[in-house]
Amino acid sequence: MITLNDIINVSIVREKYEFYENQIKHKDVSTIYSAIKDLVSFIKEIKGYASEELAIILKEQERIAKRIITVIRFRYIIIFLYKRIIEKLINSLEILMTKFLSKLS
């Protein structure tokens, strides 16, 4: 039997999810990060009350949200590595281009 309390809870969950959707579309990384962390906490709270079918979806949401948090935490390392790899490849390409041009002469 569905009670008024269940209807209110569903309404609250919908409002929270709409809020999270708006926050994760934000351009500011710190806003996204805090919204995702809050979402993970919220998912942990409601997971115990969800049906089996919804719990599976919540687990997947939690897994993806945790991945996003990890990527955001490591973004500076990733950017640093990306820049170093690109610089190294560009230098190698320049050397090879110079070598090629010197062989043409």
N, C-alpha and C. Protein backbone atom coordinates (compact mmCIF):
# COMPACT_ATOMS: atom_id res chain seq x y z
N MET A 1 0.84 -1.18 0.00
CA MET A 1 0.00 0.00 0.00
C MET A 1 0.89 1.25 0.00
N ILE A 2 0.59 2.17 -0.88
CA ILE A 2 1.35 3.41 -0.98
C ILE A 2 0.75 4.42 -0.01
N THR A 3 1.62 5.00 0.81
CA THR A 3 1.15 5.99 1.78
C THR A 3 1.53 7.39 1.31
N LEU A 4 0.99 8.38 1.99
CA LEU A 4 1.30 9.77 1.68
C LEU A 4 2.80 10.03 1.88
N ASN A 5 3.37 9.38 2.86
CA ASN A 5 4.80 9.52 3.13
C ASN A 5 5.64 9.05 1.93
N ASP A 6 5.21 7.94 1.29
CA ASP A 6 5.91 7.43 0.11
C ASP A 6 5.85 8.43 -1.04
N ILE A 7 4.68 9.05 -1.22
CA ILE A 7 4.50 10.04 -2.29
C ILE A 7 5.39 11.26 -2.03
N ILE A 8 5.44 11.70 -0.79
CA ILE A 8 6.30 12.84 -0.42
C ILE A 8 7.76 12.49 -0.66
N ASN A 9 8.17 11.27 -0.29
CA ASN A 9 9.56 10.85 -0.48
C ASN A 9 9.94 10.81 -1.96
N VAL A 10 9.04 10.32 -2.80
CA VAL A 10 9.29 10.29 -4.24
C VAL A 10 9.43 11.71 -4.77
N SER A 11 8.61 12.60 -4.29
CA SER A 11 8.67 13.99 -4.69
C SER A 11 10.01 14.62 -4.31
N ILE A 12 10.48 14.31 -3.11
CA ILE A 12 11.77 14.83 -2.64
C ILE A 12 12.91 14.28 -3.49
N VAL A 13 12.85 13.00 -3.81
CA VAL A 13 13.89 12.38 -4.63
C VAL A 13 13.92 13.03 -6.01
N ARG A 14 12.75 13.26 -6.60
CA ARG A 14 12.68 13.92 -7.91
C ARG A 14 13.31 15.30 -7.87
N GLU A 15 12.98 16.07 -6.84
CA GLU A 15 13.53 17.42 -6.70
C GLU A 15 15.05 17.38 -6.55
N LYS A 16 15.54 16.45 -5.75
CA LYS A 16 16.98 16.32 -5.56
C LYS A 16 17.67 15.96 -6.86
N TYR A 17 17.10 15.02 -7.62
CA TYR A 17 17.70 14.61 -8.88
C TYR A 17 17.69 15.75 -9.90
N GLU A 18 16.63 16.53 -9.92
CA GLU A 18 16.59 17.70 -10.82
C GLU A 18 17.68 18.70 -10.43
N PHE A 19 17.87 18.89 -9.13
CA PHE A 19 18.93 19.77 -8.65
C PHE A 19 20.29 19.24 -9.10
N TYR A 20 20.55 17.94 -8.91
CA TYR A 20 21.83 17.35 -9.31
C TYR A 20 22.05 17.46 -10.81
N GLU A 21 20.99 17.24 -11.59
CA GLU A 21 21.11 17.37 -13.04
C GLU A 21 21.57 18.76 -13.44
N ASN A 22 20.97 19.77 -12.82
CA ASN A 22 21.37 21.15 -13.11
C ASN A 22 22.80 21.43 -12.68
N GLN A 23 23.19 20.89 -11.54
CA GLN A 23 24.54 21.14 -11.02
C GLN A 23 25.61 20.48 -11.87
N ILE A 24 25.37 19.27 -12.35
CA ILE A 24 26.41 18.58 -13.12
C ILE A 24 26.52 19.11 -14.55
N LYS A 25 25.57 19.92 -14.98
CA LYS A 25 25.67 20.56 -16.29
C LYS A 25 26.45 21.88 -16.20
N HIS A 26 26.80 22.26 -14.99
CA HIS A 26 27.51 23.51 -14.74
C HIS A 26 28.92 23.45 -15.34
N LYS A 27 29.48 24.59 -15.72
CA LYS A 27 30.82 24.64 -16.30
C LYS A 27 31.91 24.59 -15.23
N ASP A 28 31.62 25.02 -14.04
CA ASP A 28 32.60 25.10 -12.96
C ASP A 28 32.87 23.71 -12.38
N VAL A 29 34.12 23.28 -12.42
CA VAL A 29 34.49 21.93 -11.96
C VAL A 29 34.21 21.74 -10.47
N SER A 30 34.44 22.78 -9.67
CA SER A 30 34.20 22.63 -8.23
C SER A 30 32.71 22.44 -7.93
N THR A 31 31.86 23.07 -8.72
CA THR A 31 30.42 22.89 -8.56
C THR A 31 30.02 21.47 -8.92
N ILE A 32 30.57 20.98 -10.01
CA ILE A 32 30.28 19.60 -10.45
C ILE A 32 30.78 18.61 -9.40
N TYR A 33 32.01 18.85 -8.92
CA TYR A 33 32.62 17.97 -7.93
C TYR A 33 31.77 17.88 -6.66
N SER A 34 31.36 19.03 -6.14
CA SER A 34 30.57 19.02 -4.90
C SER A 34 29.19 18.39 -5.14
N ALA A 35 28.60 18.63 -6.31
CA ALA A 35 27.30 18.02 -6.62
C ALA A 35 27.42 16.50 -6.72
N ILE A 36 28.48 16.03 -7.35
CA ILE A 36 28.67 14.58 -7.49
C ILE A 36 28.91 13.93 -6.12
N LYS A 37 29.73 14.58 -5.29
CA LYS A 37 29.97 14.04 -3.94
C LYS A 37 28.66 13.98 -3.15
N ASP A 38 27.85 15.03 -3.25
CA ASP A 38 26.56 15.06 -2.56
C ASP A 38 25.63 13.98 -3.12
N LEU A 39 25.67 13.79 -4.44
CA LEU A 39 24.85 12.76 -5.07
C LEU A 39 25.23 11.38 -4.56
N VAL A 40 26.52 11.10 -4.43
CA VAL A 40 26.97 9.80 -3.93
C VAL A 40 26.44 9.58 -2.51
N SER A 41 26.52 10.61 -1.68
CA SER A 41 25.98 10.49 -0.31
C SER A 41 24.48 10.23 -0.33
N PHE A 42 23.78 10.94 -1.20
CA PHE A 42 22.33 10.79 -1.31
C PHE A 42 21.98 9.37 -1.77
N ILE A 43 22.73 8.87 -2.75
CA ILE A 43 22.48 7.52 -3.25
C ILE A 43 22.68 6.49 -2.14
N LYS A 44 23.73 6.67 -1.35
CA LYS A 44 23.98 5.74 -0.24
C LYS A 44 22.82 5.75 0.76
N GLU A 45 22.24 6.93 0.97
CA GLU A 45 21.11 7.04 1.91
C GLU A 45 19.87 6.32 1.40
N ILE A 46 19.57 6.49 0.12
CA ILE A 46 18.30 5.94 -0.39
C ILE A 46 18.41 4.52 -0.92
N LYS A 47 19.63 4.02 -1.10
CA LYS A 47 19.81 2.69 -1.68
C LYS A 47 19.11 1.61 -0.86
N GLY A 48 19.13 1.73 0.44
CA GLY A 48 18.51 0.73 1.30
C GLY A 48 17.00 0.70 1.21
N TYR A 49 16.40 1.77 0.75
CA TYR A 49 14.94 1.85 0.66
C TYR A 49 14.41 1.55 -0.74
N ALA A 50 15.31 1.38 -1.68
CA ALA A 50 14.89 1.18 -3.07
C ALA A 50 14.58 -0.29 -3.34
N SER A 51 13.74 -0.51 -4.34
CA SER A 51 13.45 -1.88 -4.77
C SER A 51 14.71 -2.45 -5.43
N GLU A 52 14.70 -3.74 -5.67
CA GLU A 52 15.87 -4.40 -6.25
C GLU A 52 16.23 -3.81 -7.62
N GLU A 53 15.21 -3.56 -8.43
CA GLU A 53 15.43 -3.00 -9.76
C GLU A 53 16.05 -1.60 -9.67
N LEU A 54 15.53 -0.77 -8.78
CA LEU A 54 16.08 0.58 -8.60
C LEU A 54 17.46 0.54 -7.95
N ALA A 55 17.68 -0.41 -7.07
CA ALA A 55 18.98 -0.54 -6.40
C ALA A 55 20.09 -0.83 -7.40
N ILE A 56 19.79 -1.60 -8.42
CA ILE A 56 20.79 -1.88 -9.47
C ILE A 56 21.17 -0.60 -10.19
N ILE A 57 20.17 0.20 -10.51
CA ILE A 57 20.42 1.48 -11.19
C ILE A 57 21.20 2.42 -10.28
N LEU A 58 20.84 2.44 -9.01
CA LEU A 58 21.56 3.29 -8.05
C LEU A 58 23.02 2.88 -7.90
N LYS A 59 23.28 1.58 -7.90
CA LYS A 59 24.66 1.09 -7.81
C LYS A 59 25.46 1.57 -9.02
N GLU A 60 24.86 1.49 -10.19
CA GLU A 60 25.54 1.94 -11.41
C GLU A 60 25.79 3.45 -11.37
N GLN A 61 24.79 4.20 -10.89
CA GLN A 61 24.96 5.65 -10.75
C GLN A 61 26.11 5.96 -9.79
N GLU A 62 26.15 5.23 -8.69
CA GLU A 62 27.20 5.44 -7.69
C GLU A 62 28.58 5.12 -8.27
N ARG A 63 28.67 4.04 -9.03
CA ARG A 63 29.93 3.64 -9.63
C ARG A 63 30.44 4.71 -10.61
N ILE A 64 29.56 5.21 -11.45
CA ILE A 64 29.94 6.23 -12.42
C ILE A 64 30.28 7.54 -11.71
N ALA A 65 29.50 7.90 -10.72
CA ALA A 65 29.77 9.13 -9.96
C ALA A 65 31.14 9.07 -9.29
N LYS A 66 31.48 7.91 -8.75
CA LYS A 66 32.80 7.76 -8.11
C LYS A 66 33.92 7.86 -9.14
N ARG A 67 33.69 7.37 -10.34
CA ARG A 67 34.68 7.52 -11.41
C ARG A 67 34.88 8.99 -11.76
N ILE A 68 33.79 9.72 -11.83
CA ILE A 68 33.88 11.15 -12.12
C ILE A 68 34.70 11.85 -11.05
N ILE A 69 34.43 11.53 -9.80
CA ILE A 69 35.18 12.13 -8.68
C ILE A 69 36.67 11.82 -8.83
N THR A 70 36.99 10.57 -9.16
CA THR A 70 38.39 10.19 -9.33
C THR A 70 39.05 10.97 -10.46
N VAL A 71 38.37 11.10 -11.58
CA VAL A 71 38.93 11.84 -12.71
C VAL A 71 39.12 13.31 -12.35
N ILE A 72 38.16 13.89 -11.67
CA ILE A 72 38.30 15.29 -11.26
C ILE A 72 39.48 15.45 -10.31
N ARG A 73 39.65 14.53 -9.39
CA ARG A 73 40.78 14.61 -8.45
C ARG A 73 42.12 14.52 -9.16
N PHE A 74 42.19 13.70 -10.20
CA PHE A 74 43.45 13.48 -10.90
C PHE A 74 43.59 14.31 -12.17
N ARG A 75 42.71 15.25 -12.40
CA ARG A 75 42.74 15.99 -13.65
C ARG A 75 44.05 16.74 -13.87
N TYR A 76 44.65 17.28 -12.84
CA TYR A 76 45.90 18.01 -13.01
C TYR A 76 47.03 17.08 -13.40
N ILE A 77 47.05 15.90 -12.81
CA ILE A 77 48.07 14.92 -13.18
C ILE A 77 47.86 14.47 -14.62
N ILE A 78 46.62 14.25 -14.98
CA ILE A 78 46.29 13.83 -16.35
C ILE A 78 46.71 14.91 -17.34
N ILE A 79 46.39 16.17 -17.03
CA ILE A 79 46.76 17.27 -17.92
C ILE A 79 48.27 17.38 -18.02
N PHE A 80 48.96 17.26 -16.89
CA PHE A 80 50.42 17.34 -16.89
C PHE A 80 51.00 16.23 -17.77
N LEU A 81 50.55 15.00 -17.58
CA LEU A 81 51.04 13.89 -18.39
C LEU A 81 50.71 14.08 -19.86
N TYR A 82 49.52 14.55 -20.14
CA TYR A 82 49.09 14.81 -21.52
C TYR A 82 50.05 15.81 -22.18
N LYS A 83 50.34 16.90 -21.48
CA LYS A 83 51.23 17.93 -22.03
C LYS A 83 52.63 17.38 -22.27
N ARG A 84 53.13 16.60 -21.31
CA ARG A 84 54.48 16.03 -21.47
C ARG A 84 54.54 15.06 -22.64
N ILE A 85 53.53 14.23 -22.78
CA ILE A 85 53.50 13.28 -23.90
C ILE A 85 53.44 14.02 -25.22
N ILE A 86 52.57 15.01 -25.32
CA ILE A 86 52.44 15.79 -26.55
C ILE A 86 53.75 16.51 -26.87
N GLU A 87 54.36 17.14 -25.88
CA GLU A 87 55.64 17.84 -26.10
C GLU A 87 56.71 16.87 -26.61
N LYS A 88 56.78 15.71 -26.00
CA LYS A 88 57.77 14.71 -26.41
C LYS A 88 57.52 14.25 -27.84
N LEU A 89 56.26 14.00 -28.18
CA LEU A 89 55.92 13.57 -29.54
C LEU A 89 56.20 14.67 -30.56
N ILE A 90 55.89 15.90 -30.21
CA ILE A 90 56.16 17.02 -31.12
C ILE A 90 57.66 17.17 -31.35
N ASN A 91 58.44 17.07 -30.29
CA ASN A 91 59.89 17.15 -30.43
C ASN A 91 60.42 16.04 -31.33
N SER A 92 59.93 14.84 -31.14
CA SER A 92 60.34 13.72 -31.99
C SER A 92 59.97 13.95 -33.44
N LEU A 93 58.78 14.46 -33.65
CA LEU A 93 58.33 14.76 -35.01
C LEU A 93 59.19 15.84 -35.65
N GLU A 94 59.51 16.88 -34.90
CA GLU A 94 60.37 17.95 -35.43
C GLU A 94 61.75 17.42 -35.81
N ILE A 95 62.31 16.56 -34.96
CA ILE A 95 63.62 15.97 -35.25
C ILE A 95 63.56 15.14 -36.53
N LEU A 96 62.51 14.35 -36.65
CA LEU A 96 62.35 13.52 -37.85
C LEU A 96 62.13 14.37 -39.10
N MET A 97 61.40 15.45 -38.97
CA MET A 97 61.17 16.34 -40.10
C MET A 97 62.49 17.00 -40.53
N THR A 98 63.26 17.42 -39.57
CA THR A 98 64.56 18.04 -39.86
C THR A 98 65.48 17.02 -40.52
N LYS A 99 65.48 15.81 -40.02
CA LYS A 99 66.28 14.74 -40.60
C LYS A 99 65.88 14.48 -42.04
N PHE A 100 64.57 14.44 -42.25
CA PHE A 100 64.06 14.20 -43.60
C PHE A 100 64.49 15.31 -44.55
N LEU A 101 64.36 16.56 -44.11
CA LEU A 101 64.75 17.69 -44.95
C LEU A 101 66.26 17.70 -45.23
N SER A 102 67.03 17.31 -44.25
CA SER A 102 68.49 17.28 -44.46
C SER A 102 68.87 16.19 -45.46
N LYS A 103 68.14 15.11 -45.51
CA LYS A 103 68.41 14.03 -46.47
C LYS A 103 68.02 14.44 -47.89
N LEU A 104 67.06 15.37 -48.00
CA LEU A 104 66.63 15.83 -49.32
C LEU A 104 67.70 16.71 -49.98
N SER A 105 68.49 17.38 -49.20
CA SER A 105 69.49 18.31 -49.74
C SER A 105 70.65 17.62 -50.37
